[in-house]
């Protein structure tokens, strides 16, 4: 598959998922109302959460259509005590795409709700603002995490390793459902040493 066709295919999946979301919203009257937002984990140890993460699945977003594989996030403390964010990936042409930002903890009780801003990116350039990053599920050993936002329109499955075993994927999908989303919203992210396909998690 050429890079152009691959990007078009993913863009088509994004559109399809958006349509599914609209249909779900249309049927919301017959369903119990969702809570205001996904619940954060009870307590996040920021020092343990720092470090390198591989993105193994995500709800497709326009800004990551250029990422073909090896999408990663690196979190470190900056001099102000906030989190320096460095996101990177390999593009369809084999190049490298990266962006740097800052995350600030908005929830002093759990530490698991943050605002992430990226300077120079329209609509995301504020370093202070409402929560847009919720750690809603986390392995006891911090080996994987599920991240979403109050609207449930984004989602990321992050892991320290390049792959997860089948029982762990079952736990991840259960966490996605518990957050008020569906695994069908999430597409697997190709990772060197892990999966190479782009498939909805509900079909896995």
Protein backbone atom coordinates (compact mmCIF):
# COMPACT_ATOMS: atom_id res chain seq x y z
CA UNK A 1 0.00 0.00 0.00
CA UNK A 2 1.41 3.42 -0.93
CA UNK A 3 1.75 6.13 1.68
CA UNK A 4 -0.91 8.23 -0.08
CA UNK A 5 -3.40 5.35 -0.14
CA UNK A 6 -2.64 4.52 3.48
CA UNK A 7 -3.32 8.09 4.61
CA UNK A 8 -6.55 8.14 2.58
CA UNK A 9 -7.61 4.86 4.19
CA UNK A 10 -6.99 6.18 7.68
CA UNK A 11 -8.76 9.45 6.86
CA UNK A 12 -11.72 7.35 5.71
CA UNK A 13 -11.67 5.44 8.98
CA UNK A 14 -11.63 8.74 10.89
CA UNK A 15 -14.70 9.88 8.96
CA UNK A 16 -16.44 6.55 9.57
CA UNK A 17 -15.71 6.69 13.28
CA UNK A 18 -17.01 10.25 13.41
CA UNK A 19 -20.23 9.10 11.74
CA UNK A 20 -20.56 6.24 14.22
CA UNK A 21 -20.12 8.73 17.04
CA UNK A 22 -22.88 10.90 15.59
CA UNK A 23 -25.19 7.89 15.31
CA UNK A 24 -24.42 6.93 18.89
CA UNK A 25 -25.19 10.45 20.02
CA UNK A 26 -28.46 10.33 18.11
CA UNK A 27 -29.50 7.25 20.05
CA UNK A 28 -28.40 8.66 23.37
CA UNK A 29 -31.99 9.39 24.43
CA UNK A 30 -32.61 5.67 24.85
CA UNK A 31 -29.39 5.15 26.82
CA UNK A 32 -28.51 6.13 30.39
CA UNK A 33 -26.72 9.50 30.39
CA UNK A 34 -22.95 9.35 30.62
CA UNK A 35 -21.23 11.04 33.57
CA UNK A 36 -19.62 14.45 32.91
CA UNK A 37 -16.31 12.85 31.95
CA UNK A 38 -14.26 9.70 32.32
CA UNK A 39 -13.12 9.15 35.89
CA UNK A 40 -9.39 9.52 36.55
CA UNK A 41 -7.49 6.79 38.33
CA UNK A 42 -7.64 7.27 42.13
CA UNK A 43 -3.99 8.28 42.39
CA UNK A 44 -1.21 8.88 39.87
CA UNK A 45 2.41 8.83 41.00
CA UNK A 46 3.82 11.36 38.57
CA UNK A 47 7.42 10.25 39.09
CA UNK A 48 6.51 6.69 38.13
CA UNK A 49 4.48 7.91 35.15
CA UNK A 50 7.39 9.88 33.69
CA UNK A 51 9.56 8.28 31.03
CA UNK A 52 9.01 6.72 27.62
CA UNK A 53 5.71 5.38 26.31
CA UNK A 54 4.76 3.65 23.06
CA UNK A 55 1.36 4.41 21.53
CA UNK A 56 -0.17 1.02 20.75
CA UNK A 57 -3.65 2.27 19.79
CA UNK A 58 -5.48 5.57 19.52
CA UNK A 59 -8.69 7.25 18.47
CA UNK A 60 -7.59 8.74 15.11
CA UNK A 61 -7.04 12.48 15.10
CA UNK A 62 -6.25 14.72 12.09
CA UNK A 63 -2.93 15.77 13.60
CA UNK A 64 -1.54 12.22 13.66
CA UNK A 65 -2.47 11.15 10.11
CA UNK A 66 1.16 11.68 9.08
CA UNK A 67 2.32 9.06 11.60
CA UNK A 68 2.89 5.66 9.99
CA UNK A 69 4.49 3.86 12.95
CA UNK A 70 6.45 4.10 16.17
CA UNK A 71 4.43 6.89 17.74
CA UNK A 72 5.99 7.64 21.11
CA UNK A 73 5.68 10.04 24.03
CA UNK A 74 8.45 11.00 26.40
CA UNK A 75 7.58 12.72 29.68
CA UNK A 76 10.16 14.44 31.88
CA UNK A 77 10.01 17.04 34.63
CA UNK A 78 10.92 20.57 33.59
CA UNK A 79 12.56 23.18 35.88
CA UNK A 80 9.13 24.52 36.90
CA UNK A 81 7.99 21.11 38.11
CA UNK A 82 5.62 20.63 35.18
CA UNK A 83 5.85 17.82 32.62
CA UNK A 84 7.85 18.38 29.45
CA UNK A 85 6.14 16.47 26.63
CA UNK A 86 8.01 15.20 23.57
CA UNK A 87 5.84 13.35 21.04
CA UNK A 88 7.41 11.75 17.97
CA UNK A 89 6.69 9.26 15.19
CA UNK A 90 7.94 7.89 11.89
CA UNK A 91 6.06 9.34 8.93
CA UNK A 92 4.80 7.54 5.81
CA UNK A 93 7.82 8.83 3.88
CA UNK A 94 10.20 7.44 6.49
CA UNK A 95 10.96 10.80 8.06
CA UNK A 96 10.53 11.89 11.65
CA UNK A 97 7.69 14.02 12.99
CA UNK A 98 7.90 15.50 16.47
CA UNK A 99 6.37 18.13 18.69
CA UNK A 100 7.13 19.42 22.19
CA UNK A 101 4.74 20.77 24.78
CA UNK A 102 4.03 21.10 28.48
CA UNK A 103 1.56 19.31 30.74
CA UNK A 104 0.32 20.77 34.01
CA UNK A 105 -1.54 18.82 36.67
CA UNK A 106 -5.07 20.21 37.17
CA UNK A 107 -6.21 17.73 39.82
CA UNK A 108 -4.38 17.94 43.13
CA UNK A 109 -6.43 15.08 44.58
CA UNK A 110 -5.62 12.30 42.09
CA UNK A 111 -2.85 13.92 40.05
CA UNK A 112 -4.34 12.12 37.04
CA UNK A 113 -5.97 15.05 35.20
CA UNK A 114 -3.77 17.45 33.28
CA UNK A 115 -3.81 20.21 30.70
CA UNK A 116 -1.39 19.66 27.80
CA UNK A 117 -0.41 22.58 25.57
CA UNK A 118 1.80 22.81 22.48
CA UNK A 119 3.25 26.29 21.80
CA UNK A 120 2.65 27.50 18.27
CA UNK A 121 -0.11 25.00 17.53
CA UNK A 122 -3.44 26.81 16.89
CA UNK A 123 -6.03 25.82 19.46
CA UNK A 124 -3.45 23.99 21.58
CA UNK A 125 -0.97 26.77 22.33
CA UNK A 126 -2.19 27.64 25.83
CA UNK A 127 0.00 26.26 28.61
CA UNK A 128 -2.79 26.82 31.14
CA UNK A 129 -6.33 25.69 30.63
CA UNK A 130 -9.00 23.10 31.31
CA UNK A 131 -8.24 19.41 31.61
CA UNK A 132 -7.68 17.71 28.25
CA UNK A 133 -5.67 14.67 29.41
CA UNK A 134 -7.14 12.13 31.83
CA UNK A 135 -5.33 8.98 32.88
CA UNK A 136 -8.44 6.85 33.28
CA UNK A 137 -6.81 3.41 33.61
CA UNK A 138 -3.35 2.36 34.67
CA UNK A 139 -1.64 -0.97 35.26
CA UNK A 140 -0.48 -1.45 38.87
CA UNK A 141 3.12 -1.65 37.64
CA UNK A 142 2.68 1.36 35.30
CA UNK A 143 3.30 -0.89 32.27
CA UNK A 144 0.29 0.48 30.35
CA UNK A 145 -2.14 3.37 30.58
CA UNK A 146 -5.36 4.54 28.98
CA UNK A 147 -5.65 8.28 28.38
CA UNK A 148 -8.69 10.21 27.17
CA UNK A 149 -10.31 13.63 27.66
CA UNK A 150 -13.55 14.95 29.21
CA UNK A 151 -15.40 14.79 25.86
CA UNK A 152 -14.26 11.19 25.16
CA UNK A 153 -13.34 12.23 21.61
CA UNK A 154 -9.69 11.29 22.01
CA UNK A 155 -8.01 8.24 23.42
CA UNK A 156 -4.57 6.68 23.61
CA UNK A 157 -3.36 3.27 24.73
CA UNK A 158 0.19 3.76 25.99
CA UNK A 159 2.63 1.05 27.02
CA UNK A 160 6.24 0.84 28.12
CA UNK A 161 6.81 -2.08 25.75
CA UNK A 162 6.13 -2.37 22.03
CA UNK A 163 3.47 -5.07 22.49
CA UNK A 164 0.90 -6.37 24.99
CA UNK A 165 -0.28 -9.94 25.43
CA UNK A 166 -3.89 -11.01 24.82
CA UNK A 167 -5.03 -10.93 28.49
CA UNK A 168 -3.65 -7.41 28.87
CA UNK A 169 -5.46 -6.27 25.71
CA UNK A 170 -8.66 -7.65 27.23
CA UNK A 171 -8.06 -5.47 30.30
CA UNK A 172 -7.37 -2.45 28.09
CA UNK A 173 -10.60 -2.95 26.14
CA UNK A 174 -12.55 -3.35 29.39
CA UNK A 175 -11.03 -0.05 30.59
CA UNK A 176 -12.06 1.67 27.34
CA UNK A 177 -15.64 0.49 27.85
CA UNK A 178 -15.57 1.58 31.49
CA UNK A 179 -14.50 5.06 30.34
CA UNK A 180 -17.69 5.36 28.27
CA UNK A 181 -16.04 4.69 24.91
CA UNK A 182 -16.03 1.69 22.58
CA UNK A 183 -12.95 -0.27 21.48
CA UNK A 184 -14.17 0.21 17.90
CA UNK A 185 -13.10 3.87 18.17
CA UNK A 186 -9.48 2.85 18.67
CA UNK A 187 -7.16 1.82 15.84
CA UNK A 188 -4.00 -0.14 16.55
CA UNK A 189 -0.78 1.82 15.99
CA UNK A 190 2.03 0.03 14.12
CA UNK A 191 5.10 -0.33 16.32
CA UNK A 192 8.48 -1.86 15.61
CA UNK A 193 8.55 -5.06 17.65
CA UNK A 194 4.77 -5.05 18.00
CA UNK A 195 1.74 -4.99 15.73
CA UNK A 196 2.12 -3.87 12.13
CA UNK A 197 -1.58 -3.54 11.23
CA UNK A 198 -4.05 -0.70 11.61
CA UNK A 199 -7.23 -2.34 12.89
CA UNK A 200 -10.10 -1.34 15.21
CA UNK A 201 -9.53 -2.92 18.62
CA UNK A 202 -13.04 -4.40 18.58
CA UNK A 203 -11.93 -6.65 15.69
CA UNK A 204 -8.83 -7.88 17.47
